[in-house]
PDB file of N, CA and C in Angstrom:
ATOM      1  N   UNK A   1       3.229  18.078  92.278  1.00  0.00           N
ATOM      2  CA  UNK A   1       4.422  17.720  91.544  1.00  0.00           C
ATOM      3  C   UNK A   1       5.692  18.111  92.294  1.00  0.00           C
ATOM      4  N   UNK A   2       5.615  19.166  93.095  1.00  0.00           N
ATOM      5  CA  UNK A   2       6.793  19.607  93.846  1.00  0.00           C
ATOM      6  C   UNK A   2       7.282  18.500  94.778  1.00  0.00           C
ATOM      7  N   UNK A   3       6.346  17.806  95.432  1.00  0.00           N
ATOM      8  CA  UNK A   3       6.734  16.719  96.327  1.00  0.00           C
ATOM      9  C   UNK A   3       7.468  15.626  95.560  1.00  0.00           C
ATOM     10  N   UNK A   4       6.994  15.307  94.367  1.00  0.00           N
ATOM     11  CA  UNK A   4       7.683  14.305  93.547  1.00  0.00           C
ATOM     12  C   UNK A   4       9.097  14.734  93.208  1.00  0.00           C
ATOM     13  N   UNK A   5       9.281  16.005  92.893  1.00  0.00           N
ATOM     14  CA  UNK A   5      10.621  16.508  92.592  1.00  0.00           C
ATOM     15  C   UNK A   5      11.538  16.345  93.796  1.00  0.00           C
ATOM     16  N   UNK A   6      11.014  16.634  94.972  1.00  0.00           N
ATOM     17  CA  UNK A   6      11.803  16.480  96.199  1.00  0.00           C
ATOM     18  C   UNK A   6      12.161  15.015  96.411  1.00  0.00           C
ATOM     19  N   UNK A   7      11.179  14.126  96.242  1.00  0.00           N
ATOM     20  CA  UNK A   7      11.433  12.697  96.438  1.00  0.00           C
ATOM     21  C   UNK A   7      12.459  12.197  95.425  1.00  0.00           C
ATOM     22  N   UNK A   8      12.307  12.569  94.147  1.00  0.00           N
ATOM     23  CA  UNK A   8      13.288  12.152  93.142  1.00  0.00           C
ATOM     24  C   UNK A   8      14.682  12.640  93.516  1.00  0.00           C
ATOM     25  N   UNK A   9      14.775  13.870  93.987  1.00  0.00           N
ATOM     26  CA  UNK A   9      16.085  14.393  94.388  1.00  0.00           C
ATOM     27  C   UNK A   9      16.636  13.606  95.569  1.00  0.00           C
ATOM     28  N   UNK A  10      15.777  13.284  96.527  1.00  0.00           N
ATOM     29  CA  UNK A  10      16.235  12.633  97.749  1.00  0.00           C
ATOM     30  C   UNK A  10      16.507  11.143  97.589  1.00  0.00           C
ATOM     31  N   UNK A  11      16.235  10.587  96.427  1.00  0.00           N
ATOM     32  CA  UNK A  11      16.664   9.205  96.171  1.00  0.00           C
ATOM     33  C   UNK A  11      17.790   9.188  95.139  1.00  0.00           C
ATOM     34  N   UNK A  12      18.316  10.351  94.834  1.00  0.00           N
ATOM     35  CA  UNK A  12      19.430  10.465  93.896  1.00  0.00           C
ATOM     36  C   UNK A  12      20.758  10.426  94.654  1.00  0.00           C
ATOM     37  N   UNK A  13      21.870  10.319  93.936  1.00  0.00           N
ATOM     38  CA  UNK A  13      23.181  10.310  94.605  1.00  0.00           C
ATOM     39  C   UNK A  13      23.482  11.593  95.390  1.00  0.00           C
ATOM     40  N   UNK A  14      22.832  12.708  95.040  1.00  0.00           N
ATOM     41  CA  UNK A  14      23.061  13.982  95.734  1.00  0.00           C
ATOM     42  C   UNK A  14      22.103  14.203  96.905  1.00  0.00           C
ATOM     43  N   UNK A  15      21.442  13.177  97.355  1.00  0.00           N
ATOM     44  CA  UNK A  15      20.419  13.303  98.393  1.00  0.00           C
ATOM     45  C   UNK A  15      20.973  13.893  99.680  1.00  0.00           C
ATOM     46  N   UNK A  16      20.162  14.757 100.283  1.00  0.00           N
ATOM     47  CA  UNK A  16      20.517  15.345 101.572  1.00  0.00           C
ATOM     48  C   UNK A  16      19.771  14.665 102.714  1.00  0.00           C
ATOM     49  N   UNK A  17      18.602  14.113 102.409  1.00  0.00           N
ATOM     50  CA  UNK A  17      17.764  13.535 103.462  1.00  0.00           C
ATOM     51  C   UNK A  17      17.319  12.122 103.115  1.00  0.00           C
ATOM     52  N   UNK A  18      18.212  11.346 102.523  1.00  0.00           N
ATOM     53  CA  UNK A  18      17.860   9.983 102.140  1.00  0.00           C
ATOM     54  C   UNK A  18      17.414   9.166 103.344  1.00  0.00           C
ATOM     55  N   UNK A  19      18.028   9.395 104.500  1.00  0.00           N
ATOM     56  CA  UNK A  19      17.630   8.651 105.696  1.00  0.00           C
ATOM     57  C   UNK A  19      16.183   8.938 106.069  1.00  0.00           C
ATOM     58  N   UNK A  20      15.730  10.184 105.935  1.00  0.00           N
ATOM     59  CA  UNK A  20      14.347  10.545 106.234  1.00  0.00           C
ATOM     60  C   UNK A  20      13.394   9.915 105.220  1.00  0.00           C
ATOM     61  N   UNK A  21      13.714  10.006 103.946  1.00  0.00           N
ATOM     62  CA  UNK A  21      12.878   9.405 102.911  1.00  0.00           C
ATOM     63  C   UNK A  21      12.820   7.891 103.109  1.00  0.00           C
ATOM     64  N   UNK A  22      13.934   7.300 103.455  1.00  0.00           N
ATOM     65  CA  UNK A  22      13.979   5.854 103.678  1.00  0.00           C
ATOM     66  C   UNK A  22      13.118   5.450 104.865  1.00  0.00           C
ATOM     67  N   UNK A  23      13.287   6.124 106.001  1.00  0.00           N
ATOM     68  CA  UNK A  23      12.561   5.724 107.210  1.00  0.00           C
ATOM     69  C   UNK A  23      11.079   6.069 107.169  1.00  0.00           C
ATOM     70  N   UNK A  24      10.719   7.167 106.518  1.00  0.00           N
ATOM     71  CA  UNK A  24       9.333   7.625 106.538  1.00  0.00           C
ATOM     72  C   UNK A  24       8.530   7.258 105.297  1.00  0.00           C
ATOM     73  N   UNK A  25       9.189   6.823 104.243  1.00  0.00           N
ATOM     74  CA  UNK A  25       8.497   6.522 102.995  1.00  0.00           C
ATOM     75  C   UNK A  25       8.801   5.114 102.501  1.00  0.00           C
ATOM     76  N   UNK A  26      10.055   4.840 102.244  1.00  0.00           N
ATOM     77  CA  UNK A  26      10.432   3.578 101.611  1.00  0.00           C
ATOM     78  C   UNK A  26      10.173   2.378 102.521  1.00  0.00           C
ATOM     79  N   UNK A  27      10.632   2.433 103.755  1.00  0.00           N
ATOM     80  CA  UNK A  27      10.475   1.285 104.658  1.00  0.00           C
ATOM     81  C   UNK A  27       9.009   0.987 104.964  1.00  0.00           C
ATOM     82  N   UNK A  28       8.162   1.986 105.304  1.00  0.00           N
ATOM     83  CA  UNK A  28       6.751   1.660 105.561  1.00  0.00           C
ATOM     84  C   UNK A  28       6.030   1.058 104.349  1.00  0.00           C
ATOM     85  N   UNK A  29       6.305   1.575 103.167  1.00  0.00           N
ATOM     86  CA  UNK A  29       5.672   1.021 101.970  1.00  0.00           C
ATOM     87  C   UNK A  29       6.205  -0.383 101.698  1.00  0.00           C
ATOM     88  N   UNK A  30       7.499  -0.587 101.873  1.00  0.00           N
ATOM     89  CA  UNK A  30       8.100  -1.916 101.689  1.00  0.00           C
ATOM     90  C   UNK A  30       7.461  -2.923 102.642  1.00  0.00           C
ATOM     91  N   UNK A  31       7.292  -2.546 103.904  1.00  0.00           N
ATOM     92  CA  UNK A  31       6.685  -3.455 104.890  1.00  0.00           C
ATOM     93  C   UNK A  31       5.246  -3.803 104.522  1.00  0.00           C
ATOM     94  N   UNK A  32       4.466  -2.800 104.104  1.00  0.00           N
ATOM     95  CA  UNK A  32       3.070  -3.045 103.741  1.00  0.00           C
ATOM     96  C   UNK A  32       2.975  -3.975 102.536  1.00  0.00           C
ATOM     97  N   UNK A  33       3.782  -3.726 101.519  1.00  0.00           N
ATOM     98  CA  UNK A  33       3.784  -4.596 100.346  1.00  0.00           C
ATOM     99  C   UNK A  33       4.273  -5.996 100.698  1.00  0.00           C
ATOM    100  N   UNK A  34       5.300  -6.083 101.527  1.00  0.00           N
ATOM    101  CA  UNK A  34       5.836  -7.384 101.941  1.00  0.00           C
ATOM    102  C   UNK A  34       4.752  -8.219 102.621  1.00  0.00           C
ATOM    103  N   UNK A  35       4.023  -7.607 103.541  1.00  0.00           N
ATOM    104  CA  UNK A  35       2.959  -8.331 104.248  1.00  0.00           C
ATOM    105  C   UNK A  35       1.891  -8.833 103.281  1.00  0.00           C
ATOM    106  N   UNK A  36       1.504  -7.991 102.337  1.00  0.00           N
ATOM    107  CA  UNK A  36       0.461  -8.379 101.386  1.00  0.00           C
ATOM    108  C   UNK A  36       0.928  -9.473 100.434  1.00  0.00           C
ATOM    109  N   UNK A  37       2.143  -9.362  99.952  1.00  0.00           N
ATOM    110  CA  UNK A  37       2.663 -10.382  99.043  1.00  0.00           C
ATOM    111  C   UNK A  37       2.807 -11.713  99.768  1.00  0.00           C
ATOM    112  N   UNK A  38       3.346 -11.699 100.977  1.00  0.00           N
ATOM    113  CA  UNK A  38       3.509 -12.950 101.735  1.00  0.00           C
ATOM    114  C   UNK A  38       2.154 -13.549 102.104  1.00  0.00           C
ATOM    115  N   UNK A  39       1.147 -12.695 102.334  1.00  0.00           N
ATOM    116  CA  UNK A  39      -0.194 -13.212 102.621  1.00  0.00           C
ATOM    117  C   UNK A  39      -0.763 -13.924 101.395  1.00  0.00           C
ATOM    118  N   UNK A  40      -0.475 -13.388 100.218  1.00  0.00           N
ATOM    119  CA  UNK A  40      -0.958 -13.977  98.978  1.00  0.00           C
ATOM    120  C   UNK A  40      -0.143 -15.201  98.572  1.00  0.00           C
ATOM    121  N   UNK A  41       1.167 -15.141  98.795  1.00  0.00           N
ATOM    122  CA  UNK A  41       2.089 -16.195  98.363  1.00  0.00           C
ATOM    123  C   UNK A  41       3.086 -16.491  99.486  1.00  0.00           C
ATOM    124  N   UNK A  42       2.671 -17.197 100.525  1.00  0.00           N
ATOM    125  CA  UNK A  42       3.532 -17.396 101.699  1.00  0.00           C
ATOM    126  C   UNK A  42       4.812 -18.189 101.438  1.00  0.00           C
ATOM    127  N   UNK A  43       4.870 -18.943 100.360  1.00  0.00           N
ATOM    128  CA  UNK A  43       6.052 -19.768 100.103  1.00  0.00           C
ATOM    129  C   UNK A  43       7.147 -19.061  99.300  1.00  0.00           C
ATOM    130  N   UNK A  44       6.901 -17.823  98.910  1.00  0.00           N
ATOM    131  CA  UNK A  44       7.922 -17.109  98.137  1.00  0.00           C
ATOM    132  C   UNK A  44       9.141 -16.806  99.000  1.00  0.00           C
ATOM    133  N   UNK A  45      10.338 -16.985  98.462  1.00  0.00           N
ATOM    134  CA  UNK A  45      11.554 -16.645  99.206  1.00  0.00           C
ATOM    135  C   UNK A  45      11.631 -15.135  99.464  1.00  0.00           C
ATOM    136  N   UNK A  46      12.231 -14.768 100.590  1.00  0.00           N
ATOM    137  CA  UNK A  46      12.325 -13.362 100.991  1.00  0.00           C
ATOM    138  C   UNK A  46      12.993 -12.496  99.925  1.00  0.00           C
ATOM    139  N   UNK A  47      14.068 -12.982  99.336  1.00  0.00           N
ATOM    140  CA  UNK A  47      14.780 -12.196  98.331  1.00  0.00           C
ATOM    141  C   UNK A  47      13.894 -11.944  97.107  1.00  0.00           C
ATOM    142  N   UNK A  48      13.084 -12.922  96.730  1.00  0.00           N
ATOM    143  CA  UNK A  48      12.166 -12.759  95.607  1.00  0.00           C
ATOM    144  C   UNK A  48      11.106 -11.720  95.937  1.00  0.00           C
ATOM    145  N   UNK A  49      10.567 -11.761  97.155  1.00  0.00           N
ATOM    146  CA  UNK A  49       9.559 -10.788  97.584  1.00  0.00           C
ATOM    147  C   UNK A  49      10.141  -9.382  97.538  1.00  0.00           C
ATOM    148  N   UNK A  50      11.349  -9.224  98.028  1.00  0.00           N
ATOM    149  CA  UNK A  50      11.994  -7.917  98.022  1.00  0.00           C
ATOM    150  C   UNK A  50      12.183  -7.399  96.597  1.00  0.00           C
ATOM    151  N   UNK A  51      12.544  -8.278  95.687  1.00  0.00           N
ATOM    152  CA  UNK A  51      12.703  -7.867  94.281  1.00  0.00           C
ATOM    153  C   UNK A  51      11.358  -7.513  93.651  1.00  0.00           C
ATOM    154  N   UNK A  52      10.322  -8.231  94.036  1.00  0.00           N
ATOM    155  CA  UNK A  52       8.977  -7.896  93.549  1.00  0.00           C
ATOM    156  C   UNK A  52       8.587  -6.492  93.991  1.00  0.00           C
ATOM    157  N   UNK A  53       8.897  -6.166  95.233  1.00  0.00           N
ATOM    158  CA  UNK A  53       8.578  -4.840  95.757  1.00  0.00           C
ATOM    159  C   UNK A  53       9.349  -3.771  94.991  1.00  0.00           C
ATOM    160  N   UNK A  54      10.603  -4.028  94.704  1.00  0.00           N
ATOM    161  CA  UNK A  54      11.386  -3.078  93.905  1.00  0.00           C
ATOM    162  C   UNK A  54      10.784  -2.905  92.516  1.00  0.00           C
ATOM    163  N   UNK A  55      10.299  -3.985  91.935  1.00  0.00           N
ATOM    164  CA  UNK A  55       9.665  -3.909  90.617  1.00  0.00           C
ATOM    165  C   UNK A  55       8.384  -3.083  90.661  1.00  0.00           C
ATOM    166  N   UNK A  56       7.591  -3.277  91.694  1.00  0.00           N
ATOM    167  CA  UNK A  56       6.358  -2.498  91.849  1.00  0.00           C
ATOM    168  C   UNK A  56       6.696  -1.019  92.001  1.00  0.00           C
ATOM    169  N   UNK A  57       7.676  -0.715  92.840  1.00  0.00           N
ATOM    170  CA  UNK A  57       8.090   0.683  93.027  1.00  0.00           C
ATOM    171  C   UNK A  57       8.575   1.283  91.711  1.00  0.00           C
ATOM    172  N   UNK A  58       9.327   0.509  90.947  1.00  0.00           N
ATOM    173  CA  UNK A  58       9.806   0.986  89.653  1.00  0.00           C
ATOM    174  C   UNK A  58       8.670   1.284  88.686  1.00  0.00           C
ATOM    175  N   UNK A  59       7.663   0.426  88.685  1.00  0.00           N
ATOM    176  CA  UNK A  59       6.502   0.672  87.824  1.00  0.00           C
ATOM    177  C   UNK A  59       5.790   1.960  88.232  1.00  0.00           C
ATOM    178  N   UNK A  60       5.593   2.138  89.523  1.00  0.00           N
ATOM    179  CA  UNK A  60       4.911   3.340  90.013  1.00  0.00           C
ATOM    180  C   UNK A  60       5.696   4.584  89.620  1.00  0.00           C
ATOM    181  N   UNK A  61       7.001   4.573  89.886  1.00  0.00           N
ATOM    182  CA  UNK A  61       7.829   5.733  89.547  1.00  0.00           C
ATOM    183  C   UNK A  61       7.820   6.004  88.043  1.00  0.00           C
ATOM    184  N   UNK A  62       7.858   4.945  87.248  1.00  0.00           N
ATOM    185  CA  UNK A  62       7.822   5.109  85.791  1.00  0.00           C
ATOM    186  C   UNK A  62       6.530   5.801  85.358  1.00  0.00           C
ATOM    187  N   UNK A  63       5.397   5.314  85.836  1.00  0.00           N
ATOM    188  CA  UNK A  63       4.124   5.885  85.406  1.00  0.00           C
ATOM    189  C   UNK A  63       3.922   7.304  85.926  1.00  0.00           C
ATOM    190  N   UNK A  64       4.458   7.607  87.095  1.00  0.00           N
ATOM    191  CA  UNK A  64       4.378   8.980  87.601  1.00  0.00           C
ATOM    192  C   UNK A  64       5.280   9.885  86.773  1.00  0.00           C
ATOM    193  N   UNK A  65       6.506   9.463  86.581  1.00  0.00           N
ATOM    194  CA  UNK A  65       7.500  10.292  85.895  1.00  0.00           C
ATOM    195  C   UNK A  65       7.117  10.578  84.441  1.00  0.00           C
ATOM    196  N   UNK A  66       6.540   9.602  83.776  1.00  0.00           N
ATOM    197  CA  UNK A  66       6.228   9.738  82.353  1.00  0.00           C
ATOM    198  C   UNK A  66       4.726   9.845  82.078  1.00  0.00           C
ATOM    199  N   UNK A  67       3.988  10.304  83.078  1.00  0.00           N
ATOM    200  CA  UNK A  67       2.531  10.425  82.977  1.00  0.00           C
ATOM    201  C   UNK A  67       2.112  11.199  81.723  1.00  0.00           C
ATOM    202  N   UNK A  68       2.667  12.381  81.530  1.00  0.00           N
ATOM    203  CA  UNK A  68       2.257  13.217  80.397  1.00  0.00           C
ATOM    204  C   UNK A  68       2.542  12.541  79.057  1.00  0.00           C
ATOM    205  N   UNK A  69       3.679  11.885  78.948  1.00  0.00           N
ATOM    206  CA  UNK A  69       4.025  11.180  77.710  1.00  0.00           C
ATOM    207  C   UNK A  69       3.059  10.025  77.472  1.00  0.00           C
ATOM    208  N   UNK A  70       2.799   9.246  78.508  1.00  0.00           N
ATOM    209  CA  UNK A  70       1.897   8.094  78.385  1.00  0.00           C
ATOM    210  C   UNK A  70       0.491   8.555  78.028  1.00  0.00           C
ATOM    211  N   UNK A  71       0.022   9.605  78.681  1.00  0.00           N
ATOM    212  CA  UNK A  71      -1.309  10.127  78.365  1.00  0.00           C
ATOM    213  C   UNK A  71      -1.350  10.650  76.926  1.00  0.00           C
ATOM    214  N   UNK A  72      -0.229  11.178  76.437  1.00  0.00           N
ATOM    215  CA  UNK A  72      -0.169  11.717  75.084  1.00  0.00           C
ATOM    216  C   UNK A  72      -0.306  10.672  73.998  1.00  0.00           C
ATOM    217  N   UNK A  73       0.206   9.465  74.219  1.00  0.00           N
ATOM    218  CA  UNK A  73       0.122   8.448  73.166  1.00  0.00           C
ATOM    219  C   UNK A  73      -0.963   7.407  73.414  1.00  0.00           C
ATOM    220  N   UNK A  74      -1.704   7.555  74.485  1.00  0.00           N
ATOM    221  CA  UNK A  74      -2.788   6.613  74.773  1.00  0.00           C
ATOM    222  C   UNK A  74      -4.133   7.314  74.614  1.00  0.00           C
ATOM    223  N   UNK A  75      -5.175   6.590  74.832  1.00  0.00           N
ATOM    224  CA  UNK A  75      -6.522   7.164  74.769  1.00  0.00           C
ATOM    225  C   UNK A  75      -6.995   7.647  76.131  1.00  0.00           C
ATOM    226  N   UNK A  76      -6.094   7.831  77.054  1.00  0.00           N
ATOM    227  CA  UNK A  76      -6.446   8.295  78.395  1.00  0.00           C
ATOM    228  C   UNK A  76      -6.616   9.805  78.338  1.00  0.00           C
ATOM    229  N   UNK A  77      -7.776  10.271  78.788  1.00  0.00           N
ATOM    230  CA  UNK A  77      -8.087  11.693  78.644  1.00  0.00           C
ATOM    231  C   UNK A  77      -8.161  12.458  79.957  1.00  0.00           C
ATOM    232  N   UNK A  78      -8.169  11.761  81.082  1.00  0.00           N
ATOM    233  CA  UNK A  78      -8.259  12.478  82.359  1.00  0.00           C
ATOM    234  C   UNK A  78      -7.257  11.909  83.360  1.00  0.00           C
ATOM    235  N   UNK A  79      -6.917  12.734  84.316  1.00  0.00           N
ATOM    236  CA  UNK A  79      -5.999  12.319  85.382  1.00  0.00           C
ATOM    237  C   UNK A  79      -6.555  11.109  86.130  1.00  0.00           C
ATOM    238  N   UNK A  80      -7.848  11.135  86.447  1.00  0.00           N
ATOM    239  CA  UNK A  80      -8.457  10.031  87.188  1.00  0.00           C
ATOM    240  C   UNK A  80      -8.437   8.746  86.375  1.00  0.00           C
ATOM    241  N   UNK A  81      -8.716   8.835  85.084  1.00  0.00           N
ATOM    242  CA  UNK A  81      -8.655   7.652  84.225  1.00  0.00           C
ATOM    243  C   UNK A  81      -7.232   7.090  84.211  1.00  0.00           C
ATOM    244  N   UNK A  82      -6.236   7.972  84.131  1.00  0.00           N
ATOM    245  CA  UNK A  82      -4.838   7.540  84.153  1.00  0.00           C
ATOM    246  C   UNK A  82      -4.536   6.783  85.444  1.00  0.00           C
ATOM    247  N   UNK A  83      -4.909   7.367  86.570  1.00  0.00           N
ATOM    248  CA  UNK A  83      -4.658   6.738  87.870  1.00  0.00           C
ATOM    249  C   UNK A  83      -5.341   5.382  87.939  1.00  0.00           C
ATOM    250  N   UNK A  84      -6.614   5.326  87.550  1.00  0.00           N
ATOM    251  CA  UNK A  84      -7.364   4.067  87.620  1.00  0.00           C
ATOM    252  C   UNK A  84      -6.752   2.995  86.723  1.00  0.00           C
ATOM    253  N   UNK A  85      -6.434   3.348  85.490  1.00  0.00           N
ATOM    254  CA  UNK A  85      -5.898   2.358  84.552  1.00  0.00           C
ATOM    255  C   UNK A  85      -4.490   1.903  84.928  1.00  0.00           C
ATOM    256  N   UNK A  86      -3.651   2.814  85.371  1.00  0.00           N
ATOM    257  CA  UNK A  86      -2.291   2.429  85.751  1.00  0.00           C
ATOM    258  C   UNK A  86      -2.302   1.610  87.042  1.00  0.00           C
ATOM    259  N   UNK A  87      -3.182   1.963  87.975  1.00  0.00           N
ATOM    260  CA  UNK A  87      -3.303   1.186  89.209  1.00  0.00           C
ATOM    261  C   UNK A  87      -3.744  -0.236  88.897  1.00  0.00           C
ATOM    262  N   UNK A  88      -4.752  -0.362  88.039  1.00  0.00           N
ATOM    263  CA  UNK A  88      -5.224  -1.692  87.658  1.00  0.00           C
ATOM    264  C   UNK A  88      -4.120  -2.475  86.941  1.00  0.00           C
ATOM    265  N   UNK A  89      -3.406  -1.813  86.041  1.00  0.00           N
ATOM    266  CA  UNK A  89      -2.328  -2.492  85.312  1.00  0.00           C
ATOM    267  C   UNK A  89      -1.221  -2.960  86.263  1.00  0.00           C
ATOM    268  N   UNK A  90      -0.733  -2.075  87.112  1.00  0.00           N
ATOM    269  CA  UNK A  90       0.358  -2.434  88.028  1.00  0.00           C
ATOM    270  C   UNK A  90      -0.073  -3.574  88.936  1.00  0.00           C
ATOM    271  N   UNK A  91      -1.299  -3.495  89.453  1.00  0.00           N
ATOM    272  CA  UNK A  91      -1.799  -4.541  90.349  1.00  0.00           C
ATOM    273  C   UNK A  91      -1.885  -5.880  89.627  1.00  0.00           C
ATOM    274  N   UNK A  92      -2.541  -5.904  88.473  1.00  0.00           N
ATOM    275  CA  UNK A  92      -2.710  -7.153  87.725  1.00  0.00           C
ATOM    276  C   UNK A  92      -1.365  -7.717  87.265  1.00  0.00           C
ATOM    277  N   UNK A  93      -0.539  -6.870  86.681  1.00  0.00           N
ATOM    278  CA  UNK A  93       0.772  -7.289  86.189  1.00  0.00           C
ATOM    279  C   UNK A  93       1.621  -7.863  87.322  1.00  0.00           C
ATOM    280  N   UNK A  94       1.622  -7.189  88.462  1.00  0.00           N
ATOM    281  CA  UNK A  94       2.453  -7.623  89.588  1.00  0.00           C
ATOM    282  C   UNK A  94       1.923  -8.903  90.217  1.00  0.00           C
ATOM    283  N   UNK A  95       0.606  -9.017  90.347  1.00  0.00           N
ATOM    284  CA  UNK A  95       0.041 -10.248  90.900  1.00  0.00           C
ATOM    285  C   UNK A  95       0.343 -11.438  89.996  1.00  0.00           C
ATOM    286  N   UNK A  96       0.258 -11.233  88.702  1.00  0.00           N
ATOM    287  CA  UNK A  96       0.605 -12.319  87.783  1.00  0.00           C
ATOM    288  C   UNK A  96       2.088 -12.653  87.890  1.00  0.00           C
ATOM    289  N   UNK A  97       2.915 -11.633  88.083  1.00  0.00           N
ATOM    290  CA  UNK A  97       4.356 -11.836  88.197  1.00  0.00           C
ATOM    291  C   UNK A  97       4.766 -12.652  89.410  1.00  0.00           C
ATOM    292  N   UNK A  98       4.004 -12.527  90.500  1.00  0.00           N
ATOM    293  CA  UNK A  98       4.339 -13.311  91.694  1.00  0.00           C
ATOM    294  C   UNK A  98       3.602 -14.644  91.710  1.00  0.00           C
ATOM    295  N   UNK A  99       2.816 -14.901  90.666  1.00  0.00           N
ATOM    296  CA  UNK A  99       2.139 -16.184  90.561  1.00  0.00           C
ATOM    297  C   UNK A  99       0.823 -16.261  91.292  1.00  0.00           C
ATOM    298  N   UNK A 100       0.252 -15.122  91.659  1.00  0.00           N
ATOM    299  CA  UNK A 100      -1.024 -15.114  92.365  1.00  0.00           C
ATOM    300  C   UNK A 100      -2.167 -15.313  91.381  1.00  0.00           C
ATOM    301  N   UNK A 101      -3.150 -16.067  91.796  1.00  0.00           N
ATOM    302  CA  UNK A 101      -4.353 -16.260  90.983  1.00  0.00           C
ATOM    303  C   UNK A 101      -5.430 -15.251  91.367  1.00  0.00           C
ATOM    304  N   UNK A 102      -5.216 -14.515  92.438  1.00  0.00           N
ATOM    305  CA  UNK A 102      -6.207 -13.574  92.956  1.00  0.00           C
ATOM    306  C   UNK A 102      -5.920 -12.180  92.415  1.00  0.00           C
ATOM    307  N   UNK A 103      -6.369 -11.912  91.193  1.00  0.00           N
ATOM    308  CA  UNK A 103      -6.076 -10.629  90.562  1.00  0.00           C
ATOM    309  C   UNK A 103      -6.861  -9.483  91.182  1.00  0.00           C
ATOM    310  N   UNK A 104      -7.842  -9.781  92.010  1.00  0.00           N
ATOM    311  CA  UNK A 104      -8.611  -8.723  92.670  1.00  0.00           C
ATOM    312  C   UNK A 104      -7.969  -8.316  93.993  1.00  0.00           C
ATOM    313  N   UNK A 105      -6.946  -9.046  94.416  1.00  0.00           N
ATOM    314  CA  UNK A 105      -6.291  -8.760  95.694  1.00  0.00           C
ATOM    315  C   UNK A 105      -5.664  -7.382  95.685  1.00  0.00           C
ATOM    316  N   UNK A 106      -5.929  -6.604  96.722  1.00  0.00           N
ATOM    317  CA  UNK A 106      -5.265  -5.304  96.855  1.00  0.00           C
ATOM    318  C   UNK A 106      -3.852  -5.566  97.348  1.00  0.00           C
ATOM    319  N   UNK A 107      -2.868  -4.949  96.710  1.00  0.00           N
ATOM    320  CA  UNK A 107      -1.477  -5.243  97.021  1.00  0.00           C
ATOM    321  C   UNK A 107      -1.011  -4.739  98.374  1.00  0.00           C
ATOM    322  N   UNK A 108      -1.590  -3.666  98.877  1.00  0.00           N
ATOM    323  CA  UNK A 108      -1.006  -3.138 100.097  1.00  0.00           C
ATOM    324  C   UNK A 108      -2.008  -2.389 100.948  1.00  0.00           C
ATOM    325  N   UNK A 109      -1.621  -2.176 102.192  1.00  0.00           N
ATOM    326  CA  UNK A 109      -2.429  -1.413 103.126  1.00  0.00           C
ATOM    327  C   UNK A 109      -2.604   0.008 102.626  1.00  0.00           C
ATOM    328  N   UNK A 110      -1.613   0.535 101.958  1.00  0.00           N
ATOM    329  CA  UNK A 110      -1.655   1.867 101.363  1.00  0.00           C
ATOM    330  C   UNK A 110      -1.863   1.659  99.873  1.00  0.00           C
ATOM    331  N   UNK A 111      -3.128   1.672  99.408  1.00  0.00           N
ATOM    332  CA  UNK A 111      -3.385   1.352  98.001  1.00  0.00           C
ATOM    333  C   UNK A 111      -2.554   2.209  97.053  1.00  0.00           C
ATOM    334  N   UNK A 112      -2.350   1.705  95.862  1.00  0.00           N
ATOM    335  CA  UNK A 112      -1.535   2.408  94.883  1.00  0.00           C
ATOM    336  C   UNK A 112      -2.075   3.802  94.599  1.00  0.00           C
ATOM    337  N   UNK A 113      -3.399   3.988  94.684  1.00  0.00           N
ATOM    338  CA  UNK A 113      -3.961   5.333  94.519  1.00  0.00           C
ATOM    339  C   UNK A 113      -3.339   6.279  95.538  1.00  0.00           C
ATOM    340  N   UNK A 114      -3.195   5.826  96.770  1.00  0.00           N
ATOM    341  CA  UNK A 114      -2.633   6.675  97.817  1.00  0.00           C
ATOM    342  C   UNK A 114      -1.158   6.945  97.583  1.00  0.00           C
ATOM    343  N   UNK A 115      -0.443   5.965  97.070  1.00  0.00           N
ATOM    344  CA  UNK A 115       0.963   6.188  96.755  1.00  0.00           C
ATOM    345  C   UNK A 115       1.057   7.256  95.672  1.00  0.00           C
ATOM    346  N   UNK A 116       0.207   7.153  94.658  1.00  0.00           N
ATOM    347  CA  UNK A 116       0.242   8.133  93.574  1.00  0.00           C
ATOM    348  C   UNK A 116      -0.076   9.535  94.087  1.00  0.00           C
ATOM    349  N   UNK A 117      -1.033   9.636  94.986  1.00  0.00           N
ATOM    350  CA  UNK A 117      -1.437  10.941  95.509  1.00  0.00           C
ATOM    351  C   UNK A 117      -0.571  11.402  96.670  1.00  0.00           C
ATOM    352  N   UNK A 118       0.504  10.702  96.943  1.00  0.00           N
ATOM    353  CA  UNK A 118       1.474  11.105  97.959  1.00  0.00           C
ATOM    354  C   UNK A 118       0.922  11.050  99.383  1.00  0.00           C
ATOM    355  N   UNK A 119      -0.031  10.180  99.651  1.00  0.00           N
ATOM    356  CA  UNK A 119      -0.547  10.026 101.010  1.00  0.00           C
ATOM    357  C   UNK A 119       0.263   8.923 101.683  1.00  0.00           C
ATOM    358  N   UNK A 120       1.502   9.231 101.947  1.00  0.00           N
ATOM    359  CA  UNK A 120       2.437   8.239 102.440  1.00  0.00           C
ATOM    360  C   UNK A 120       2.303   8.052 103.941  1.00  0.00           C
ATOM    361  N   UNK A 121       2.589   6.855 104.422  1.00  0.00           N
ATOM    362  CA  UNK A 121       2.637   6.638 105.865  1.00  0.00           C
ATOM    363  C   UNK A 121       3.735   7.501 106.467  1.00  0.00           C
ATOM    364  N   UNK A 122       3.503   7.990 107.653  1.00  0.00           N
ATOM    365  CA  UNK A 122       4.523   8.794 108.309  1.00  0.00           C
ATOM    366  C   UNK A 122       4.420  10.269 107.995  1.00  0.00           C
ATOM    367  N   UNK A 123       3.348  10.696 107.344  1.00  0.00           N
ATOM    368  CA  UNK A 123       3.085  12.111 107.210  1.00  0.00           C
ATOM    369  C   UNK A 123       3.502  12.801 105.938  1.00  0.00           C
ATOM    370  N   UNK A 124       3.715  12.102 104.849  1.00  0.00           N
ATOM    371  CA  UNK A 124       4.105  12.753 103.598  1.00  0.00           C
ATOM    372  C   UNK A 124       2.896  13.160 102.761  1.00  0.00           C
ATOM    373  N   UNK A 125       1.769  13.509 103.334  1.00  0.00           N
ATOM    374  CA  UNK A 125       0.663  13.820 102.445  1.00  0.00           C
ATOM    375  C   UNK A 125      -0.354  14.715 103.000  1.00  0.00           C
TER     376      UNK A 125
END
């Protein structure tokens, strides 16, 4: 959780190392998602793909930030169940949002499980 607190701080207006978080975390994940989305839907406009990536990131941050609240009002009883169900939801919801018919497609080179567990490209894990 400490790493999440640091990341939340470093994407805030008071960030001290936003350039590091951007170059080592945000850009590599953006590139991986961009490649996967374009592979699934090559005709999507670049601006739409970029917005899709922002939406996916927002979903991930939401589920991480409010994990305890979500687990409290749902029937999810374990951390692993939470990760599995939220990963499946984000993947399915996002694939449907971009118009993909391949709901089994993995969205990125760094699966959402790895993003949740902070195994970021560039050494954040």
